[in-house]
Amino acid sequence: PPNNTIRFTDVPKLNVRVDRGMTHDGLGKYVSTRVKKARGSTADIVKILRDTGTDVVVNYLPVGSEMATKWYVEQVLEAGCAFVNCIPVFIASQPSTIVHRVLTTLFRERGVRLDRTYQLNFGGNMDFYNMLERERLESKKISKTGAVTSQLDYALPAEAIHVGPSDYVPWLTDRKWAYIRLEGTTFGNVPLNVEAKMEVWDSPNSAGVVIDAVRCAKLALDRGTGGPLEGPAAYLMKTPPRQYTDDQARRLLEEFIGRSADSPMPSTSTSVPARRALHRLARRTALRARRPGGSQPESETRLARDAEAEDEGSA
């Protein structure tokens, strides 16, 4: 610990230097017992971002780091980078709790009135350890609750919904267990209840969504687009600038990806499926990253090859 996730790939030594950042409220009372604050003064973050040619900055600070997140946003904006927020501080917001949303949507679309619901999350990583400090959870609960209630066309009483982290269980390591229950009323005022249990490895589960968010942010940079990305945020994040149903959000994401670089509006041609477009972007990134002499990491070669095969299959 504190790194206790499953190993799903081998990362070579990249000679990336870790610089002293700004702490602010980044270390809560529990995390500070495991992670010691570094000595020295804060590095010039704006200069580092500019000197390294950074395109996109991803925020994975501990939950509750309100002041630290806002400080880093200022540095990122001054450096001219894109910013992907992966914690519940309401900047432009974080990866989504999708299973609960889909079940809520299913109730609505099938004419079942959702009367009450909960989602209880347990995990054993540093995120859950940090969230033992309940004072840091207010924005987390707001974001998770809003991600679910946004799929309803009526308001649930505050006492009828509970969504949020429940406890820290060390032996779960980086696994997260979510217990979801929805209680509703269907035709004839007959009760209809659903229970589900989801088990995931928390860090890889977040990483795939964030990679797509980073690719969308890079697309926006290349096009000279600024401000919140409404379509990608609606599909990938819990608390986007504007909530949509998941079907609407996916359509907006596809339109954003398929948009021409010089057009502020969606192109009139058939929208490009999201996964294919993201593969194309990944392929271009991989090709640009070729090493001197033509050599290329096998993972990048495979990604480019898969993307080319998908393009040929859809021609």
C-alpha atoms as a PDB file:
ATOM      1  CA  PRO A   1       0.000   0.000   0.000  1.00  0.00           C
ATOM      2  CA  PRO A   2      -1.051   2.644  -0.811  1.00  0.00           C
ATOM      3  CA  ASN A   3      -0.915   1.185  -4.358  1.00  0.00           C
ATOM      4  CA  ASN A   4      -2.858  -2.082  -4.205  1.00  0.00           C
ATOM      5  CA  THR A   5      -4.605  -2.455  -7.557  1.00  0.00           C
ATOM      6  CA  ILE A   6      -4.380  -5.414  -9.911  1.00  0.00           C
ATOM      7  CA  ARG A   7      -1.443  -5.382 -12.364  1.00  0.00           C
ATOM      8  CA  PHE A   8      -2.928  -5.417 -15.853  1.00  0.00           C
ATOM      9  CA  THR A   9       0.069  -4.144 -17.824  1.00  0.00           C
ATOM     10  CA  ASP A  10       3.816  -3.710 -17.419  1.00  0.00           C
ATOM     11  CA  VAL A  11       4.922  -0.087 -17.601  1.00  0.00           C
ATOM     12  CA  PRO A  12       8.562   0.402 -18.620  1.00  0.00           C
ATOM     13  CA  LYS A  13      10.748   2.936 -16.860  1.00  0.00           C
ATOM     14  CA  LEU A  14       9.848   6.265 -18.465  1.00  0.00           C
ATOM     15  CA  ASN A  15      12.232   8.571 -16.559  1.00  0.00           C
ATOM     16  CA  VAL A  16       9.345  10.852 -15.603  1.00  0.00           C
ATOM     17  CA  ARG A  17      10.352  13.136 -12.749  1.00  0.00           C
ATOM     18  CA  VAL A  18       7.938  13.694  -9.866  1.00  0.00           C
ATOM     19  CA  ASP A  19       7.940  17.365  -8.849  1.00  0.00           C
ATOM     20  CA  ARG A  20       6.715  18.920  -5.615  1.00  0.00           C
ATOM     21  CA  GLY A  21       3.112  20.028  -6.059  1.00  0.00           C
ATOM     22  CA  MET A  22       0.769  22.166  -3.983  1.00  0.00           C
ATOM     23  CA  THR A  23      -0.789  20.298  -1.038  1.00  0.00           C
ATOM     24  CA  HIS A  24      -3.528  22.672   0.170  1.00  0.00           C
ATOM     25  CA  ASP A  25      -6.312  20.370   1.451  1.00  0.00           C
ATOM     26  CA  GLY A  26      -5.067  17.333  -0.485  1.00  0.00           C
ATOM     27  CA  LEU A  27      -4.094  15.327   2.609  1.00  0.00           C
ATOM     28  CA  GLY A  28      -6.959  14.476   4.951  1.00  0.00           C
ATOM     29  CA  LYS A  29      -6.532  13.250   8.507  1.00  0.00           C
ATOM     30  CA  TYR A  30      -6.591   9.566   7.493  1.00  0.00           C
ATOM     31  CA  VAL A  31      -4.473   9.765   4.327  1.00  0.00           C
ATOM     32  CA  SER A  32      -1.848  11.817   6.176  1.00  0.00           C
ATOM     33  CA  THR A  33      -1.173   8.774   8.393  1.00  0.00           C
ATOM     34  CA  ARG A  34      -0.074   6.818   5.289  1.00  0.00           C
ATOM     35  CA  VAL A  35       1.285   9.544   2.994  1.00  0.00           C
ATOM     36  CA  LYS A  36       3.807  12.032   4.345  1.00  0.00           C
ATOM     37  CA  LYS A  37       3.868  15.586   3.056  1.00  0.00           C
ATOM     38  CA  ALA A  38       7.012  16.230   1.021  1.00  0.00           C
ATOM     39  CA  ARG A  39       9.498  18.844   2.111  1.00  0.00           C
ATOM     40  CA  GLY A  40      10.423  21.876   0.070  1.00  0.00           C
ATOM     41  CA  SER A  41       8.556  24.561  -1.811  1.00  0.00           C
ATOM     42  CA  THR A  42       6.001  24.075  -4.573  1.00  0.00           C
ATOM     43  CA  ALA A  43       7.470  23.729  -8.049  1.00  0.00           C
ATOM     44  CA  ASP A  44       6.566  26.147 -10.847  1.00  0.00           C
ATOM     45  CA  ILE A  45       3.690  24.079 -12.238  1.00  0.00           C
ATOM     46  CA  VAL A  46       2.925  26.408 -15.154  1.00  0.00           C
ATOM     47  CA  LYS A  47       6.554  26.310 -16.312  1.00  0.00           C
ATOM     48  CA  ILE A  48       6.692  22.510 -16.014  1.00  0.00           C
ATOM     49  CA  LEU A  49       3.542  22.082 -18.091  1.00  0.00           C
ATOM     50  CA  ARG A  50       4.843  24.417 -20.778  1.00  0.00           C
ATOM     51  CA  ASP A  51       8.381  23.020 -20.845  1.00  0.00           C
ATOM     52  CA  THR A  52       7.148  19.422 -21.152  1.00  0.00           C
ATOM     53  CA  GLY A  53       4.626  20.256 -23.878  1.00  0.00           C
ATOM     54  CA  THR A  54       1.775  18.841 -21.813  1.00  0.00           C
ATOM     55  CA  ASP A  55      -1.566  18.712 -23.647  1.00  0.00           C
ATOM     56  CA  VAL A  56      -3.973  17.311 -21.048  1.00  0.00           C
ATOM     57  CA  VAL A  57      -3.814  17.325 -17.234  1.00  0.00           C
ATOM     58  CA  VAL A  58      -5.819  14.686 -15.318  1.00  0.00           C
ATOM     59  CA  ASN A  59      -6.891  15.418 -11.738  1.00  0.00           C
ATOM     60  CA  TYR A  60      -6.892  12.365  -9.433  1.00  0.00           C
ATOM     61  CA  LEU A  61      -6.376  14.184  -6.133  1.00  0.00           C
ATOM     62  CA  PRO A  62      -8.029  12.637  -3.048  1.00  0.00           C
ATOM     63  CA  VAL A  63     -11.769  13.217  -2.597  1.00  0.00           C
ATOM     64  CA  GLY A  64     -12.364  16.460  -0.719  1.00  0.00           C
ATOM     65  CA  SER A  65      -9.409  18.344  -2.247  1.00  0.00           C
ATOM     66  CA  GLU A  66     -11.529  21.379  -3.102  1.00  0.00           C
ATOM     67  CA  MET A  67      -8.902  24.107  -2.677  1.00  0.00           C
ATOM     68  CA  ALA A  68      -6.094  22.067  -4.235  1.00  0.00           C
ATOM     69  CA  THR A  69      -8.186  21.266  -7.309  1.00  0.00           C
ATOM     70  CA  LYS A  70      -9.148  24.895  -7.871  1.00  0.00           C
ATOM     71  CA  TRP A  71      -5.502  25.930  -7.498  1.00  0.00           C
ATOM     72  CA  TYR A  72      -4.372  23.369 -10.085  1.00  0.00           C
ATOM     73  CA  VAL A  73      -7.115  24.455 -12.490  1.00  0.00           C
ATOM     74  CA  GLU A  74      -5.663  27.969 -12.421  1.00  0.00           C
ATOM     75  CA  GLN A  75      -2.187  26.630 -13.253  1.00  0.00           C
ATOM     76  CA  VAL A  76      -3.532  24.433 -16.052  1.00  0.00           C
ATOM     77  CA  LEU A  77      -5.491  27.271 -17.649  1.00  0.00           C
ATOM     78  CA  GLU A  78      -2.505  29.617 -17.472  1.00  0.00           C
ATOM     79  CA  ALA A  79      -0.333  26.975 -19.154  1.00  0.00           C
ATOM     80  CA  GLY A  80      -2.903  26.519 -21.941  1.00  0.00           C
ATOM     81  CA  CYS A  81      -3.607  22.830 -21.266  1.00  0.00           C
ATOM     82  CA  ALA A  82      -6.859  20.882 -21.239  1.00  0.00           C
ATOM     83  CA  PHE A  83      -8.137  19.609 -17.877  1.00  0.00           C
ATOM     84  CA  VAL A  84      -9.959  16.350 -17.067  1.00  0.00           C
ATOM     85  CA  ASN A  85     -11.418  16.344 -13.555  1.00  0.00           C
ATOM     86  CA  CYS A  86     -11.717  12.892 -11.970  1.00  0.00           C
ATOM     87  CA  ILE A  87     -12.781  13.833  -8.449  1.00  0.00           C
ATOM     88  CA  PRO A  88     -16.068  15.276  -7.133  1.00  0.00           C
ATOM     89  CA  VAL A  89     -15.132  18.948  -7.124  1.00  0.00           C
ATOM     90  CA  PHE A  90     -17.550  20.697  -9.438  1.00  0.00           C
ATOM     91  CA  ILE A  91     -15.230  21.991 -12.149  1.00  0.00           C
ATOM     92  CA  ALA A  92     -16.432  19.948 -15.120  1.00  0.00           C
ATOM     93  CA  SER A  93     -16.643  16.659 -13.306  1.00  0.00           C
ATOM     94  CA  GLN A  94     -15.798  13.007 -12.892  1.00  0.00           C
ATOM     95  CA  PRO A  95     -16.330   9.439 -14.233  1.00  0.00           C
ATOM     96  CA  SER A  96     -19.840   8.081 -13.948  1.00  0.00           C
ATOM     97  CA  THR A  97     -21.693   5.479 -11.862  1.00  0.00           C
ATOM     98  CA  ILE A  98     -23.422   3.884 -14.823  1.00  0.00           C
ATOM     99  CA  VAL A  99     -25.203   0.727 -13.582  1.00  0.00           C
ATOM    100  CA  HIS A 100     -27.441   2.627 -11.170  1.00  0.00           C
ATOM    101  CA  ARG A 101     -28.243   5.196 -13.870  1.00  0.00           C
ATOM    102  CA  VAL A 102     -29.224   2.507 -16.378  1.00  0.00           C
ATOM    103  CA  LEU A 103     -31.506   0.740 -13.894  1.00  0.00           C
ATOM    104  CA  THR A 104     -33.137   4.066 -13.028  1.00  0.00           C
ATOM    105  CA  THR A 105     -33.686   4.786 -16.717  1.00  0.00           C
ATOM    106  CA  LEU A 106     -35.158   1.299 -17.206  1.00  0.00           C
ATOM    107  CA  PHE A 107     -37.700   1.947 -14.440  1.00  0.00           C
ATOM    108  CA  ARG A 108     -38.737   5.241 -16.038  1.00  0.00           C
ATOM    109  CA  GLU A 109     -38.986   3.890 -19.584  1.00  0.00           C
ATOM    110  CA  ARG A 110     -41.023   0.842 -18.496  1.00  0.00           C
ATOM    111  CA  GLY A 111     -43.531   2.861 -16.512  1.00  0.00           C
ATOM    112  CA  VAL A 112     -42.294   1.921 -13.036  1.00  0.00           C
ATOM    113  CA  ARG A 113     -42.321   4.752 -10.511  1.00  0.00           C
ATOM    114  CA  LEU A 114     -39.087   4.749  -8.516  1.00  0.00           C
ATOM    115  CA  ASP A 115     -40.039   5.325  -4.883  1.00  0.00           C
ATOM    116  CA  ARG A 116     -36.709   4.887  -3.111  1.00  0.00           C
ATOM    117  CA  THR A 117     -33.212   3.622  -3.838  1.00  0.00           C
ATOM    118  CA  TYR A 118     -29.755   3.192  -2.372  1.00  0.00           C
ATOM    119  CA  GLN A 119     -26.243   2.358  -3.510  1.00  0.00           C
ATOM    120  CA  LEU A 120     -23.764   1.247  -0.845  1.00  0.00           C
ATOM    121  CA  ASN A 121     -20.108   1.133  -1.898  1.00  0.00           C
ATOM    122  CA  PHE A 122     -17.279  -0.662  -0.089  1.00  0.00           C
ATOM    123  CA  GLY A 123     -13.604  -0.770  -1.017  1.00  0.00           C
ATOM    124  CA  GLY A 124     -10.101  -1.236   0.332  1.00  0.00           C
ATOM    125  CA  ASN A 125      -7.989   1.312  -1.533  1.00  0.00           C
ATOM    126  CA  MET A 126      -6.722   4.725  -0.428  1.00  0.00           C
ATOM    127  CA  ASP A 127      -9.778   6.411  -1.933  1.00  0.00           C
ATOM    128  CA  PHE A 128     -12.086   4.583   0.471  1.00  0.00           C
ATOM    129  CA  TYR A 129      -9.623   5.059   3.333  1.00  0.00           C
ATOM    130  CA  ASN A 130      -9.622   8.802   2.667  1.00  0.00           C
ATOM    131  CA  MET A 131     -13.435   8.833   2.629  1.00  0.00           C
ATOM    132  CA  LEU A 132     -13.591   7.618   6.222  1.00  0.00           C
ATOM    133  CA  GLU A 133     -13.275  11.349   6.876  1.00  0.00           C
ATOM    134  CA  ARG A 134     -16.957  12.067   6.310  1.00  0.00           C
ATOM    135  CA  GLU A 135     -16.437  15.820   6.139  1.00  0.00           C
ATOM    136  CA  ARG A 136     -14.749  15.309   2.753  1.00  0.00           C
ATOM    137  CA  LEU A 137     -17.757  13.500   1.250  1.00  0.00           C
ATOM    138  CA  GLU A 138     -20.344  16.214   0.679  1.00  0.00           C
ATOM    139  CA  SER A 139     -19.520  16.825  -2.983  1.00  0.00           C
ATOM    140  CA  LYS A 140     -19.049  13.071  -3.578  1.00  0.00           C
ATOM    141  CA  LYS A 141     -22.591  12.295  -2.405  1.00  0.00           C
ATOM    142  CA  ILE A 142     -24.030  15.210  -4.378  1.00  0.00           C
ATOM    143  CA  SER A 143     -22.351  14.068  -7.599  1.00  0.00           C
ATOM    144  CA  LYS A 144     -23.341  10.404  -7.240  1.00  0.00           C
ATOM    145  CA  THR A 145     -26.918  11.252  -6.256  1.00  0.00           C
ATOM    146  CA  GLY A 146     -27.283  13.718  -9.124  1.00  0.00           C
ATOM    147  CA  ALA A 147     -26.009  11.155 -11.633  1.00  0.00           C
ATOM    148  CA  VAL A 148     -28.947   8.897 -10.700  1.00  0.00           C
ATOM    149  CA  THR A 149     -31.764  11.411 -10.169  1.00  0.00           C
ATOM    150  CA  SER A 150     -30.932  13.186 -13.449  1.00  0.00           C
ATOM    151  CA  GLN A 151     -32.499  10.213 -15.256  1.00  0.00           C
ATOM    152  CA  LEU A 152     -35.916  10.842 -13.665  1.00  0.00           C
ATOM    153  CA  ASP A 153     -38.525  13.363 -14.792  1.00  0.00           C
ATOM    154  CA  TYR A 154     -39.687  13.936 -11.216  1.00  0.00           C
ATOM    155  CA  ALA A 155     -37.930  14.707  -7.939  1.00  0.00           C
ATOM    156  CA  LEU A 156     -37.242  12.074  -5.301  1.00  0.00           C
ATOM    157  CA  PRO A 157     -37.412  13.235  -1.668  1.00  0.00           C
ATOM    158  CA  ALA A 158     -33.945  13.534  -0.144  1.00  0.00           C
ATOM    159  CA  GLU A 159     -34.743  10.803   2.384  1.00  0.00           C
ATOM    160  CA  ALA A 160     -35.723   8.392  -0.429  1.00  0.00           C
ATOM    161  CA  ILE A 161     -32.255   8.142  -2.001  1.00  0.00           C
ATOM    162  CA  HIS A 162     -28.813   7.319  -0.636  1.00  0.00           C
ATOM    163  CA  VAL A 163     -25.842   6.971  -2.964  1.00  0.00           C
ATOM    164  CA  GLY A 164     -22.287   7.073  -1.741  1.00  0.00           C
ATOM    165  CA  PRO A 165     -19.302   5.370  -0.132  1.00  0.00           C
ATOM    166  CA  SER A 166     -20.170   3.362   2.957  1.00  0.00           C
ATOM    167  CA  ASP A 167     -17.019   1.894   4.481  1.00  0.00           C
ATOM    168  CA  TYR A 168     -13.372   0.918   4.122  1.00  0.00           C
ATOM    169  CA  VAL A 169     -12.606  -2.826   4.083  1.00  0.00           C
ATOM    170  CA  PRO A 170      -8.808  -3.324   3.814  1.00  0.00           C
ATOM    171  CA  TRP A 171      -8.883  -6.904   2.482  1.00  0.00           C
ATOM    172  CA  LEU A 172     -10.860  -5.764  -0.576  1.00  0.00           C
ATOM    173  CA  THR A 173      -7.688  -3.882  -1.693  1.00  0.00           C
ATOM    174  CA  ASP A 174      -8.536  -2.012  -4.933  1.00  0.00           C
ATOM    175  CA  ARG A 175     -11.790  -3.884  -5.444  1.00  0.00           C
ATOM    176  CA  LYS A 176     -15.059  -2.000  -5.054  1.00  0.00           C
ATOM    177  CA  TRP A 177     -18.308  -3.746  -4.169  1.00  0.00           C
ATOM    178  CA  ALA A 178     -21.523  -1.855  -4.865  1.00  0.00           C
ATOM    179  CA  TYR A 179     -24.889  -3.002  -3.507  1.00  0.00           C
ATOM    180  CA  ILE A 180     -27.779  -1.380  -5.376  1.00  0.00           C
ATOM    181  CA  ARG A 181     -31.469  -1.583  -4.521  1.00  0.00           C
ATOM    182  CA  LEU A 182     -34.386   0.113  -6.269  1.00  0.00           C
ATOM    183  CA  GLU A 183     -37.937  -0.034  -4.907  1.00  0.00           C
ATOM    184  CA  GLY A 184     -40.744   0.995  -7.233  1.00  0.00           C
ATOM    185  CA  THR A 185     -44.435   0.761  -7.986  1.00  0.00           C
ATOM    186  CA  THR A 186     -45.753  -0.644 -11.246  1.00  0.00           C
ATOM    187  CA  PHE A 187     -49.182  -1.191 -12.852  1.00  0.00           C
ATOM    188  CA  GLY A 188     -51.991  -1.593 -10.336  1.00  0.00           C
ATOM    189  CA  ASN A 189     -49.872  -0.062  -7.550  1.00  0.00           C
ATOM    190  CA  VAL A 190     -47.986  -3.357  -7.290  1.00  0.00           C
ATOM    191  CA  PRO A 191     -44.465  -3.237  -5.765  1.00  0.00           C
ATOM    192  CA  LEU A 192     -41.484  -3.983  -8.022  1.00  0.00           C
ATOM    193  CA  ASN A 193     -38.023  -4.214  -6.468  1.00  0.00           C
ATOM    194  CA  VAL A 194     -34.594  -4.817  -8.003  1.00  0.00           C
ATOM    195  CA  GLU A 195     -31.331  -5.668  -6.244  1.00  0.00           C
ATOM    196  CA  ALA A 196     -27.902  -5.901  -7.858  1.00  0.00           C
ATOM    197  CA  LYS A 197     -24.345  -6.382  -6.675  1.00  0.00           C
ATOM    198  CA  MET A 198     -21.425  -5.154  -8.759  1.00  0.00           C
ATOM    199  CA  GLU A 199     -17.758  -6.020  -8.176  1.00  0.00           C
ATOM    200  CA  VAL A 200     -15.008  -4.134 -10.018  1.00  0.00           C
ATOM    201  CA  TRP A 201     -11.331  -3.322  -9.708  1.00  0.00           C
ATOM    202  CA  ASP A 202     -11.731   0.366  -8.991  1.00  0.00           C
ATOM    203  CA  SER A 203      -8.669   1.898 -10.650  1.00  0.00           C
ATOM    204  CA  PRO A 204      -8.787   0.094 -14.044  1.00  0.00           C
ATOM    205  CA  ASN A 205     -12.561   0.627 -14.074  1.00  0.00           C
ATOM    206  CA  SER A 206     -11.973   4.373 -13.937  1.00  0.00           C
ATOM    207  CA  ALA A 207      -8.968   4.377 -16.270  1.00  0.00           C
ATOM    208  CA  GLY A 208     -10.801   3.321 -19.431  1.00  0.00           C
ATOM    209  CA  VAL A 209     -13.332   6.139 -19.106  1.00  0.00           C
ATOM    210  CA  VAL A 210     -10.600   8.672 -18.374  1.00  0.00           C
ATOM    211  CA  ILE A 211      -8.574   7.628 -21.430  1.00  0.00           C
ATOM    212  CA  ASP A 212     -11.608   8.411 -23.595  1.00  0.00           C
ATOM    213  CA  ALA A 213     -11.986  11.760 -21.797  1.00  0.00           C
ATOM    214  CA  VAL A 214      -8.307  12.575 -22.440  1.00  0.00           C
ATOM    215  CA  ARG A 215      -8.700  11.758 -26.137  1.00  0.00           C
ATOM    216  CA  CYS A 216     -11.734  14.038 -26.380  1.00  0.00           C
ATOM    217  CA  ALA A 217      -9.824  16.812 -24.608  1.00  0.00           C
ATOM    218  CA  LYS A 218      -6.958  16.433 -27.099  1.00  0.00           C
ATOM    219  CA  LEU A 219      -9.419  16.608 -29.995  1.00  0.00           C
ATOM    220  CA  ALA A 220     -10.763  19.867 -28.571  1.00  0.00           C
ATOM    221  CA  LEU A 221      -7.237  21.277 -28.207  1.00  0.00           C
ATOM    222  CA  ASP A 222      -6.372  20.379 -31.790  1.00  0.00           C
ATOM    223  CA  ARG A 223      -9.548  22.132 -32.968  1.00  0.00           C
ATOM    224  CA  GLY A 224      -8.994  25.216 -30.822  1.00  0.00           C
ATOM    225  CA  THR A 225     -12.161  24.530 -28.830  1.00  0.00           C
ATOM    226  CA  GLY A 226     -12.328  25.968 -25.305  1.00  0.00           C
ATOM    227  CA  GLY A 227     -14.633  25.659 -22.308  1.00  0.00           C
ATOM    228  CA  PRO A 228     -16.503  22.601 -20.992  1.00  0.00           C
ATOM    229  CA  LEU A 229     -17.093  19.841 -23.557  1.00  0.00           C
ATOM    230  CA  GLU A 230     -20.813  19.302 -23.059  1.00  0.00           C
ATOM    231  CA  GLY A 231     -21.239  16.140 -25.137  1.00  0.00           C
ATOM    232  CA  PRO A 232     -18.235  14.163 -23.851  1.00  0.00           C
ATOM    233  CA  ALA A 233     -18.862  15.332 -20.276  1.00  0.00           C
ATOM    234  CA  ALA A 234     -22.511  14.252 -20.434  1.00  0.00           C
ATOM    235  CA  TYR A 235     -21.547  10.726 -21.525  1.00  0.00           C
ATOM    236  CA  LEU A 236     -18.394  10.187 -19.459  1.00  0.00           C
ATOM    237  CA  MET A 237     -18.960  12.136 -16.231  1.00  0.00           C
ATOM    238  CA  LYS A 238     -21.299  12.060 -13.230  1.00  0.00           C
ATOM    239  CA  THR A 239     -21.881  15.806 -12.991  1.00  0.00           C
ATOM    240  CA  PRO A 240     -21.521  17.414 -16.431  1.00  0.00           C
ATOM    241  CA  PRO A 241     -22.449  21.045 -17.102  1.00  0.00           C
ATOM    242  CA  ARG A 242     -25.798  19.730 -18.363  1.00  0.00           C
ATOM    243  CA  GLN A 243     -27.409  16.347 -17.724  1.00  0.00           C
ATOM    244  CA  TYR A 244     -28.834  14.235 -20.564  1.00  0.00           C
ATOM    245  CA  THR A 245     -30.192  10.726 -20.840  1.00  0.00           C
ATOM    246  CA  ASP A 246     -27.473   8.227 -21.714  1.00  0.00           C
ATOM    247  CA  ASP A 247     -28.811   7.795 -25.269  1.00  0.00           C
ATOM    248  CA  GLN A 248     -28.747  11.553 -25.852  1.00  0.00           C
ATOM    249  CA  ALA A 249     -25.292  11.841 -24.296  1.00  0.00           C
ATOM    250  CA  ARG A 250     -23.861   9.100 -26.519  1.00  0.00           C
ATOM    251  CA  ARG A 251     -25.251  10.819 -29.617  1.00  0.00           C
ATOM    252  CA  LEU A 252     -23.676  14.121 -28.533  1.00  0.00           C
ATOM    253  CA  LEU A 253     -20.342  12.367 -27.943  1.00  0.00           C
ATOM    254  CA  GLU A 254     -20.398  10.790 -31.408  1.00  0.00           C
ATOM    255  CA  GLU A 255     -21.270  14.146 -32.979  1.00  0.00           C
ATOM    256  CA  PHE A 256     -18.387  15.801 -31.130  1.00  0.00           C
ATOM    257  CA  ILE A 257     -15.905  13.161 -32.312  1.00  0.00           C
ATOM    258  CA  GLY A 258     -17.157  13.232 -35.901  1.00  0.00           C
ATOM    259  CA  ARG A 259     -17.162  17.015 -36.105  1.00  0.00           C
ATOM    260  CA  SER A 260     -14.804  18.593 -38.619  1.00  0.00           C
ATOM    261  CA  ALA A 261     -11.992  20.692 -37.175  1.00  0.00           C
ATOM    262  CA  ASP A 262     -13.300  23.963 -38.643  1.00  0.00           C
ATOM    263  CA  SER A 263     -16.992  23.433 -37.852  1.00  0.00           C
ATOM    264  CA  PRO A 264     -18.495  24.596 -34.535  1.00  0.00           C
ATOM    265  CA  MET A 265     -21.596  22.495 -35.191  1.00  0.00           C
ATOM    266  CA  PRO A 266     -21.959  18.734 -35.751  1.00  0.00           C
ATOM    267  CA  SER A 267     -21.157  17.709 -39.320  1.00  0.00           C
ATOM    268  CA  THR A 268     -24.076  16.834 -41.603  1.00  0.00           C
ATOM    269  CA  SER A 269     -22.502  13.541 -42.608  1.00  0.00           C
ATOM    270  CA  THR A 270     -23.293  10.300 -40.806  1.00  0.00           C
ATOM    271  CA  SER A 271     -21.901  10.511 -37.253  1.00  0.00           C
ATOM    272  CA  VAL A 272     -18.835   8.368 -36.606  1.00  0.00           C
ATOM    273  CA  PRO A 273     -19.381   5.654 -33.965  1.00  0.00           C
ATOM    274  CA  ALA A 274     -17.588   6.685 -30.809  1.00  0.00           C
ATOM    275  CA  ARG A 275     -15.323   3.676 -30.413  1.00  0.00           C
ATOM    276  CA  ARG A 276     -14.134   3.712 -34.031  1.00  0.00           C
ATOM    277  CA  ALA A 277     -13.354   7.430 -33.897  1.00  0.00           C
ATOM    278  CA  LEU A 278     -11.453   7.068 -30.636  1.00  0.00           C
ATOM    279  CA  HIS A 279      -9.462   4.180 -32.138  1.00  0.00           C
ATOM    280  CA  ARG A 280      -8.536   6.408 -35.068  1.00  0.00           C
ATOM    281  CA  LEU A 281      -7.333   9.104 -32.689  1.00  0.00           C
ATOM    282  CA  ALA A 282      -5.353   6.500 -30.749  1.00  0.00           C
ATOM    283  CA  ARG A 283      -3.819   5.233 -33.981  1.00  0.00           C
ATOM    284  CA  ARG A 284      -2.723   8.725 -34.991  1.00  0.00           C
ATOM    285  CA  THR A 285      -1.249   9.254 -31.535  1.00  0.00           C
ATOM    286  CA  ALA A 286       0.582   5.923 -31.728  1.00  0.00           C
ATOM    287  CA  LEU A 287       1.962   6.702 -35.181  1.00  0.00           C
ATOM    288  CA  ARG A 288       3.202  10.115 -34.037  1.00  0.00           C
ATOM    289  CA  ALA A 289       4.918   8.434 -31.106  1.00  0.00           C
ATOM    290  CA  ARG A 290       7.100   6.153 -33.256  1.00  0.00           C
ATOM    291  CA  ARG A 291      10.610   5.946 -31.951  1.00  0.00           C
ATOM    292  CA  PRO A 292      13.681   6.983 -33.975  1.00  0.00           C
ATOM    293  CA  GLY A 293      14.702   4.313 -36.441  1.00  0.00           C
ATOM    294  CA  GLY A 294      11.137   3.123 -36.993  1.00  0.00           C
ATOM    295  CA  SER A 295      10.832   0.956 -33.875  1.00  0.00           C
ATOM    296  CA  GLN A 296       7.600   1.108 -31.943  1.00  0.00           C
ATOM    297  CA  PRO A 297       6.314  -0.509 -28.738  1.00  0.00           C
ATOM    298  CA  GLU A 298       4.299  -3.651 -29.446  1.00  0.00           C
ATOM    299  CA  SER A 299       1.242  -2.251 -27.638  1.00  0.00           C
ATOM    300  CA  GLU A 300       1.186   0.797 -29.938  1.00  0.00           C
ATOM    301  CA  THR A 301       1.757  -1.354 -33.022  1.00  0.00           C
ATOM    302  CA  ARG A 302      -1.146  -3.607 -32.015  1.00  0.00           C
ATOM    303  CA  LEU A 303      -3.412  -0.603 -31.358  1.00  0.00           C
ATOM    304  CA  ALA A 304      -2.644   0.916 -34.746  1.00  0.00           C
ATOM    305  CA  ARG A 305      -3.123  -2.459 -36.459  1.00  0.00           C
ATOM    306  CA  ASP A 306      -6.493  -3.015 -34.753  1.00  0.00           C
ATOM    307  CA  ALA A 307      -7.682   0.463 -35.701  1.00  0.00           C
ATOM    308  CA  GLU A 308      -6.652  -0.049 -39.337  1.00  0.00           C
ATOM    309  CA  ALA A 309      -8.483  -3.379 -39.444  1.00  0.00           C
ATOM    310  CA  GLU A 310     -11.617  -1.782 -38.025  1.00  0.00           C
ATOM    311  CA  ASP A 311     -11.459   1.028 -40.588  1.00  0.00           C
ATOM    312  CA  GLU A 312     -11.082  -1.484 -43.442  1.00  0.00           C
ATOM    313  CA  GLY A 313     -13.969  -3.556 -42.125  1.00  0.00           C
ATOM    314  CA  SER A 314     -16.272  -0.527 -42.109  1.00  0.00           C
ATOM    315  CA  ALA A 315     -15.287   0.873 -45.495  1.00  0.00           C
END
